């Protein structure tokens, strides 16, 4: 199992656990309310959306990663056409950060 498959699995678990927010507006609101610990932006999201979300994450000191595509994100959470997802729980956020940064997740 490669890291992308593991990443999809973690994102799927966060979705099922209710610890994930999907969509630009919902994520921006969650960032402002300090409910979101990590944001993933699709590589094929619009430049305007990327800038808007990255600026908001920087303002509120939230980790942001630009990985996966809209299709990959949508498939992993079971909702169509989602370019932005926010992780609301520290445990999931830390696991995703470790995976993205090349660290192996145990378990």
N, C-alpha and C. Protein backbone atom coordinates (compact mmCIF):
# COMPACT_ATOMS: atom_id res chain seq x y z
N UNK A 1 0.86 -1.18 0.00
CA UNK A 1 0.00 0.00 0.00
C UNK A 1 0.90 1.25 0.00
N UNK A 2 0.71 2.11 -0.99
CA UNK A 2 1.55 3.31 -1.04
C UNK A 2 0.97 4.42 -0.16
N UNK A 3 1.75 5.48 -0.02
CA UNK A 3 1.34 6.56 0.88
C UNK A 3 0.05 7.24 0.46
N UNK A 4 -0.20 7.34 -0.88
CA UNK A 4 -1.44 7.97 -1.32
C UNK A 4 -2.64 7.13 -0.90
N UNK A 5 -2.53 5.82 -1.00
CA UNK A 5 -3.64 4.96 -0.56
C UNK A 5 -3.88 5.11 0.94
N UNK A 6 -2.79 5.21 1.71
CA UNK A 6 -2.92 5.42 3.15
C UNK A 6 -3.55 6.79 3.44
N UNK A 7 -3.14 7.79 2.66
CA UNK A 7 -3.70 9.13 2.82
C UNK A 7 -5.20 9.11 2.55
N UNK A 8 -5.61 8.43 1.46
CA UNK A 8 -7.05 8.31 1.17
C UNK A 8 -7.77 7.66 2.34
N UNK A 9 -7.15 6.63 2.91
CA UNK A 9 -7.75 5.92 4.04
C UNK A 9 -7.95 6.83 5.25
N UNK A 10 -6.93 7.61 5.59
CA UNK A 10 -7.03 8.54 6.73
C UNK A 10 -8.11 9.58 6.47
N UNK A 11 -8.13 10.12 5.24
CA UNK A 11 -9.15 11.12 4.88
C UNK A 11 -10.54 10.49 4.98
N UNK A 12 -10.67 9.26 4.52
CA UNK A 12 -11.95 8.55 4.62
C UNK A 12 -12.38 8.34 6.06
N UNK A 13 -11.42 7.96 6.92
CA UNK A 13 -11.74 7.78 8.35
C UNK A 13 -12.17 9.10 8.99
N UNK A 14 -11.46 10.18 8.65
CA UNK A 14 -11.82 11.50 9.19
C UNK A 14 -13.23 11.89 8.76
N UNK A 15 -13.57 11.55 7.52
CA UNK A 15 -14.91 11.85 6.99
C UNK A 15 -15.97 11.09 7.80
N UNK A 16 -15.74 9.78 7.96
CA UNK A 16 -16.70 8.94 8.70
C UNK A 16 -16.83 9.38 10.15
N UNK A 17 -15.73 9.86 10.72
CA UNK A 17 -15.75 10.28 12.13
C UNK A 17 -16.34 11.69 12.31
N UNK A 18 -16.69 12.33 11.19
CA UNK A 18 -17.25 13.68 11.27
C UNK A 18 -16.21 14.73 11.61
N UNK A 19 -14.95 14.46 11.30
CA UNK A 19 -13.85 15.37 11.63
C UNK A 19 -13.28 16.06 10.39
N UNK A 20 -14.10 16.17 9.34
CA UNK A 20 -13.65 16.76 8.10
C UNK A 20 -14.71 17.72 7.57
N UNK A 21 -14.25 18.85 7.06
CA UNK A 21 -15.13 19.83 6.42
C UNK A 21 -14.74 19.89 4.95
N UNK A 22 -15.71 19.92 4.06
CA UNK A 22 -15.43 19.95 2.63
C UNK A 22 -16.07 21.18 1.99
N UNK A 23 -15.35 21.75 1.04
CA UNK A 23 -15.86 22.91 0.32
C UNK A 23 -15.19 24.19 0.78
N UNK A 24 -15.02 25.12 -0.14
CA UNK A 24 -14.29 26.35 0.14
C UNK A 24 -14.95 27.17 1.24
N UNK A 25 -16.23 27.49 1.09
CA UNK A 25 -16.91 28.35 2.07
C UNK A 25 -16.91 27.73 3.46
N UNK A 26 -17.22 26.44 3.55
CA UNK A 26 -17.26 25.77 4.86
C UNK A 26 -15.87 25.75 5.50
N UNK A 27 -14.84 25.54 4.70
CA UNK A 27 -13.47 25.51 5.24
C UNK A 27 -13.04 26.90 5.70
N UNK A 28 -13.35 27.93 4.91
CA UNK A 28 -12.98 29.29 5.31
C UNK A 28 -13.64 29.66 6.63
N UNK A 29 -14.91 29.30 6.77
CA UNK A 29 -15.64 29.57 8.01
C UNK A 29 -15.01 28.80 9.18
N UNK A 30 -14.66 27.53 8.94
CA UNK A 30 -14.04 26.71 9.98
C UNK A 30 -12.68 27.24 10.41
N UNK A 31 -11.91 27.76 9.45
CA UNK A 31 -10.60 28.34 9.77
C UNK A 31 -10.78 29.56 10.67
N UNK A 32 -11.73 30.42 10.31
CA UNK A 32 -11.99 31.63 11.10
C UNK A 32 -12.44 31.29 12.52
N UNK A 33 -13.20 30.21 12.66
CA UNK A 33 -13.69 29.80 13.98
C UNK A 33 -12.66 28.96 14.74
N UNK A 34 -11.50 28.77 14.12
CA UNK A 34 -10.40 27.98 14.71
C UNK A 34 -10.79 26.52 14.94
N UNK A 35 -11.66 26.00 14.07
CA UNK A 35 -12.08 24.60 14.16
C UNK A 35 -11.25 23.69 13.27
N UNK A 36 -10.48 24.25 12.35
CA UNK A 36 -9.75 23.45 11.37
C UNK A 36 -8.26 23.49 11.69
N UNK A 37 -7.65 22.29 11.71
CA UNK A 37 -6.24 22.15 12.07
C UNK A 37 -5.34 22.02 10.84
N UNK A 38 -5.89 21.56 9.72
CA UNK A 38 -5.10 21.33 8.51
C UNK A 38 -6.02 21.44 7.30
N UNK A 39 -5.52 22.03 6.23
CA UNK A 39 -6.31 22.18 5.01
C UNK A 39 -5.57 21.52 3.85
N UNK A 40 -6.31 20.81 3.01
CA UNK A 40 -5.76 20.25 1.78
C UNK A 40 -6.48 20.92 0.62
N UNK A 41 -5.67 21.47 -0.30
CA UNK A 41 -6.19 22.12 -1.50
C UNK A 41 -5.82 21.25 -2.70
N UNK A 42 -6.76 21.02 -3.59
CA UNK A 42 -6.49 20.25 -4.80
C UNK A 42 -5.50 21.00 -5.70
N UNK A 43 -4.62 20.26 -6.32
CA UNK A 43 -3.62 20.87 -7.22
C UNK A 43 -4.29 21.54 -8.41
N UNK A 44 -5.48 21.05 -8.78
CA UNK A 44 -6.17 21.62 -9.94
C UNK A 44 -7.31 22.58 -9.54
N UNK A 45 -7.29 23.06 -8.31
CA UNK A 45 -8.24 24.10 -7.90
C UNK A 45 -7.87 25.40 -8.61
N UNK A 46 -8.81 26.32 -8.70
CA UNK A 46 -8.53 27.58 -9.39
C UNK A 46 -7.50 28.39 -8.61
N UNK A 47 -6.73 29.22 -9.31
CA UNK A 47 -5.71 30.05 -8.65
C UNK A 47 -6.35 30.98 -7.63
N UNK A 48 -7.53 31.50 -7.94
CA UNK A 48 -8.24 32.39 -7.02
C UNK A 48 -8.58 31.66 -5.72
N UNK A 49 -9.09 30.45 -5.84
CA UNK A 49 -9.44 29.65 -4.67
C UNK A 49 -8.20 29.33 -3.84
N UNK A 50 -7.12 28.91 -4.51
CA UNK A 50 -5.87 28.60 -3.81
C UNK A 50 -5.39 29.80 -3.02
N UNK A 51 -5.37 30.98 -3.64
CA UNK A 51 -4.88 32.18 -2.97
C UNK A 51 -5.77 32.54 -1.78
N UNK A 52 -7.08 32.49 -1.99
CA UNK A 52 -8.03 32.82 -0.93
C UNK A 52 -7.81 31.93 0.29
N UNK A 53 -7.73 30.64 0.06
CA UNK A 53 -7.60 29.69 1.17
C UNK A 53 -6.22 29.77 1.82
N UNK A 54 -5.16 29.87 1.01
CA UNK A 54 -3.80 29.97 1.57
C UNK A 54 -3.65 31.23 2.41
N UNK A 55 -4.19 32.34 1.93
CA UNK A 55 -4.12 33.59 2.70
C UNK A 55 -4.84 33.46 4.04
N UNK A 56 -6.01 32.84 4.03
CA UNK A 56 -6.79 32.65 5.26
C UNK A 56 -6.05 31.71 6.22
N UNK A 57 -5.44 30.66 5.68
CA UNK A 57 -4.68 29.72 6.52
C UNK A 57 -3.48 30.42 7.16
N UNK A 58 -2.81 31.26 6.38
CA UNK A 58 -1.66 31.99 6.91
C UNK A 58 -2.09 32.95 8.02
N UNK A 59 -3.21 33.62 7.79
CA UNK A 59 -3.73 34.58 8.77
C UNK A 59 -4.05 33.91 10.10
N UNK A 60 -4.58 32.67 10.04
CA UNK A 60 -5.00 31.98 11.26
C UNK A 60 -4.04 30.85 11.66
N UNK A 61 -2.85 30.83 11.04
CA UNK A 61 -1.80 29.87 11.38
C UNK A 61 -2.27 28.41 11.28
N UNK A 62 -2.85 28.06 10.13
CA UNK A 62 -3.32 26.71 9.86
C UNK A 62 -2.43 26.10 8.79
N UNK A 63 -1.99 24.86 8.99
CA UNK A 63 -1.18 24.17 7.99
C UNK A 63 -2.00 23.94 6.73
N UNK A 64 -1.37 24.17 5.58
CA UNK A 64 -2.06 23.97 4.31
C UNK A 64 -1.14 23.22 3.35
N UNK A 65 -1.72 22.24 2.65
CA UNK A 65 -0.97 21.44 1.69
C UNK A 65 -1.73 21.43 0.37
N UNK A 66 -0.97 21.55 -0.70
CA UNK A 66 -1.56 21.49 -2.04
C UNK A 66 -1.16 20.16 -2.66
N UNK A 67 -2.05 19.18 -2.47
CA UNK A 67 -1.81 17.84 -3.01
C UNK A 67 -3.13 17.26 -3.50
N UNK A 68 -3.05 16.15 -4.18
CA UNK A 68 -4.21 15.45 -4.73
C UNK A 68 -4.93 16.33 -5.76
N UNK A 69 -5.85 15.72 -6.49
CA UNK A 69 -6.66 16.46 -7.46
C UNK A 69 -8.09 16.56 -6.93
N UNK A 70 -8.90 17.36 -7.59
CA UNK A 70 -10.31 17.46 -7.20
C UNK A 70 -10.96 16.08 -7.22
N UNK A 71 -10.68 15.29 -8.27
CA UNK A 71 -11.26 13.94 -8.37
C UNK A 71 -10.80 13.05 -7.23
N UNK A 72 -9.51 13.11 -6.89
CA UNK A 72 -8.98 12.27 -5.82
C UNK A 72 -9.58 12.65 -4.46
N UNK A 73 -9.66 13.95 -4.20
CA UNK A 73 -10.27 14.41 -2.94
C UNK A 73 -11.73 13.99 -2.89
N UNK A 74 -12.46 14.24 -3.97
CA UNK A 74 -13.88 13.92 -4.01
C UNK A 74 -14.12 12.43 -3.78
N UNK A 75 -13.30 11.60 -4.41
CA UNK A 75 -13.43 10.15 -4.28
C UNK A 75 -13.15 9.71 -2.83
N UNK A 76 -12.13 10.31 -2.20
CA UNK A 76 -11.76 9.88 -0.85
C UNK A 76 -12.80 10.27 0.20
N UNK A 77 -13.59 11.33 -0.06
CA UNK A 77 -14.61 11.74 0.92
C UNK A 77 -16.03 11.36 0.50
N UNK A 78 -16.18 10.87 -0.73
CA UNK A 78 -17.49 10.44 -1.21
C UNK A 78 -18.43 11.58 -1.55
N UNK A 79 -17.87 12.76 -1.88
CA UNK A 79 -18.68 13.91 -2.29
C UNK A 79 -18.10 14.46 -3.59
N UNK A 80 -18.96 14.78 -4.55
CA UNK A 80 -18.45 15.23 -5.85
C UNK A 80 -17.91 16.66 -5.83
N UNK A 81 -16.91 16.89 -6.66
CA UNK A 81 -16.41 18.23 -6.99
C UNK A 81 -15.96 19.05 -5.78
N UNK A 82 -15.14 18.46 -4.92
CA UNK A 82 -14.59 19.18 -3.76
C UNK A 82 -13.11 19.43 -3.97
N UNK A 83 -12.71 20.70 -3.93
CA UNK A 83 -11.31 21.08 -4.15
C UNK A 83 -10.60 21.40 -2.84
N UNK A 84 -11.36 21.64 -1.78
CA UNK A 84 -10.79 22.03 -0.49
C UNK A 84 -11.41 21.15 0.60
N UNK A 85 -10.54 20.60 1.46
CA UNK A 85 -11.04 19.91 2.65
C UNK A 85 -10.26 20.39 3.86
N UNK A 86 -10.94 20.42 4.99
CA UNK A 86 -10.31 20.83 6.24
C UNK A 86 -10.46 19.74 7.27
N UNK A 87 -9.37 19.43 7.96
CA UNK A 87 -9.38 18.41 9.02
C UNK A 87 -9.57 19.12 10.35
N UNK A 88 -10.58 18.66 11.12
CA UNK A 88 -10.97 19.36 12.35
C UNK A 88 -10.39 18.76 13.62
N UNK A 89 -9.64 17.68 13.51
CA UNK A 89 -9.16 17.00 14.72
C UNK A 89 -7.64 16.85 14.65
N UNK A 90 -6.96 17.16 15.75
CA UNK A 90 -5.49 17.14 15.78
C UNK A 90 -4.88 15.80 15.42
N UNK A 91 -5.45 14.71 15.90
CA UNK A 91 -4.91 13.38 15.62
C UNK A 91 -4.85 13.09 14.13
N UNK A 92 -5.96 13.31 13.43
CA UNK A 92 -5.98 13.10 11.98
C UNK A 92 -5.04 14.07 11.28
N UNK A 93 -5.02 15.31 11.73
CA UNK A 93 -4.16 16.33 11.11
C UNK A 93 -2.69 15.93 11.23
N UNK A 94 -2.28 15.45 12.40
CA UNK A 94 -0.88 15.06 12.61
C UNK A 94 -0.51 13.85 11.75
N UNK A 95 -1.41 12.87 11.65
CA UNK A 95 -1.14 11.70 10.81
C UNK A 95 -0.97 12.11 9.35
N UNK A 96 -1.83 12.99 8.88
CA UNK A 96 -1.75 13.44 7.49
C UNK A 96 -0.46 14.22 7.27
N UNK A 97 -0.08 15.10 8.19
CA UNK A 97 1.18 15.85 8.07
C UNK A 97 2.37 14.91 7.97
N UNK A 98 2.40 13.88 8.83
CA UNK A 98 3.50 12.92 8.80
C UNK A 98 3.58 12.21 7.46
N UNK A 99 2.42 11.80 6.92
CA UNK A 99 2.40 11.11 5.63
C UNK A 99 2.90 12.02 4.51
N UNK A 100 2.41 13.23 4.48
CA UNK A 100 2.77 14.18 3.42
C UNK A 100 4.26 14.51 3.50
N UNK A 101 4.78 14.64 4.71
CA UNK A 101 6.18 15.00 4.88
C UNK A 101 7.12 13.79 4.82
N UNK A 102 6.59 12.64 4.46
CA UNK A 102 7.43 11.46 4.23
C UNK A 102 7.63 10.54 5.41
N UNK A 103 7.07 10.90 6.54
CA UNK A 103 7.18 10.03 7.72
C UNK A 103 6.19 8.87 7.63
N UNK A 104 6.56 7.75 8.14
CA UNK A 104 5.68 6.59 8.09
C UNK A 104 4.72 6.59 9.27
N UNK A 105 3.47 6.29 9.01
CA UNK A 105 2.48 6.20 10.08
C UNK A 105 2.36 4.75 10.50
N UNK A 106 2.42 4.51 11.78
CA UNK A 106 2.36 3.15 12.31
C UNK A 106 0.92 2.84 12.70
N UNK A 107 0.46 1.68 12.27
CA UNK A 107 -0.89 1.29 12.63
C UNK A 107 -1.89 1.53 11.56
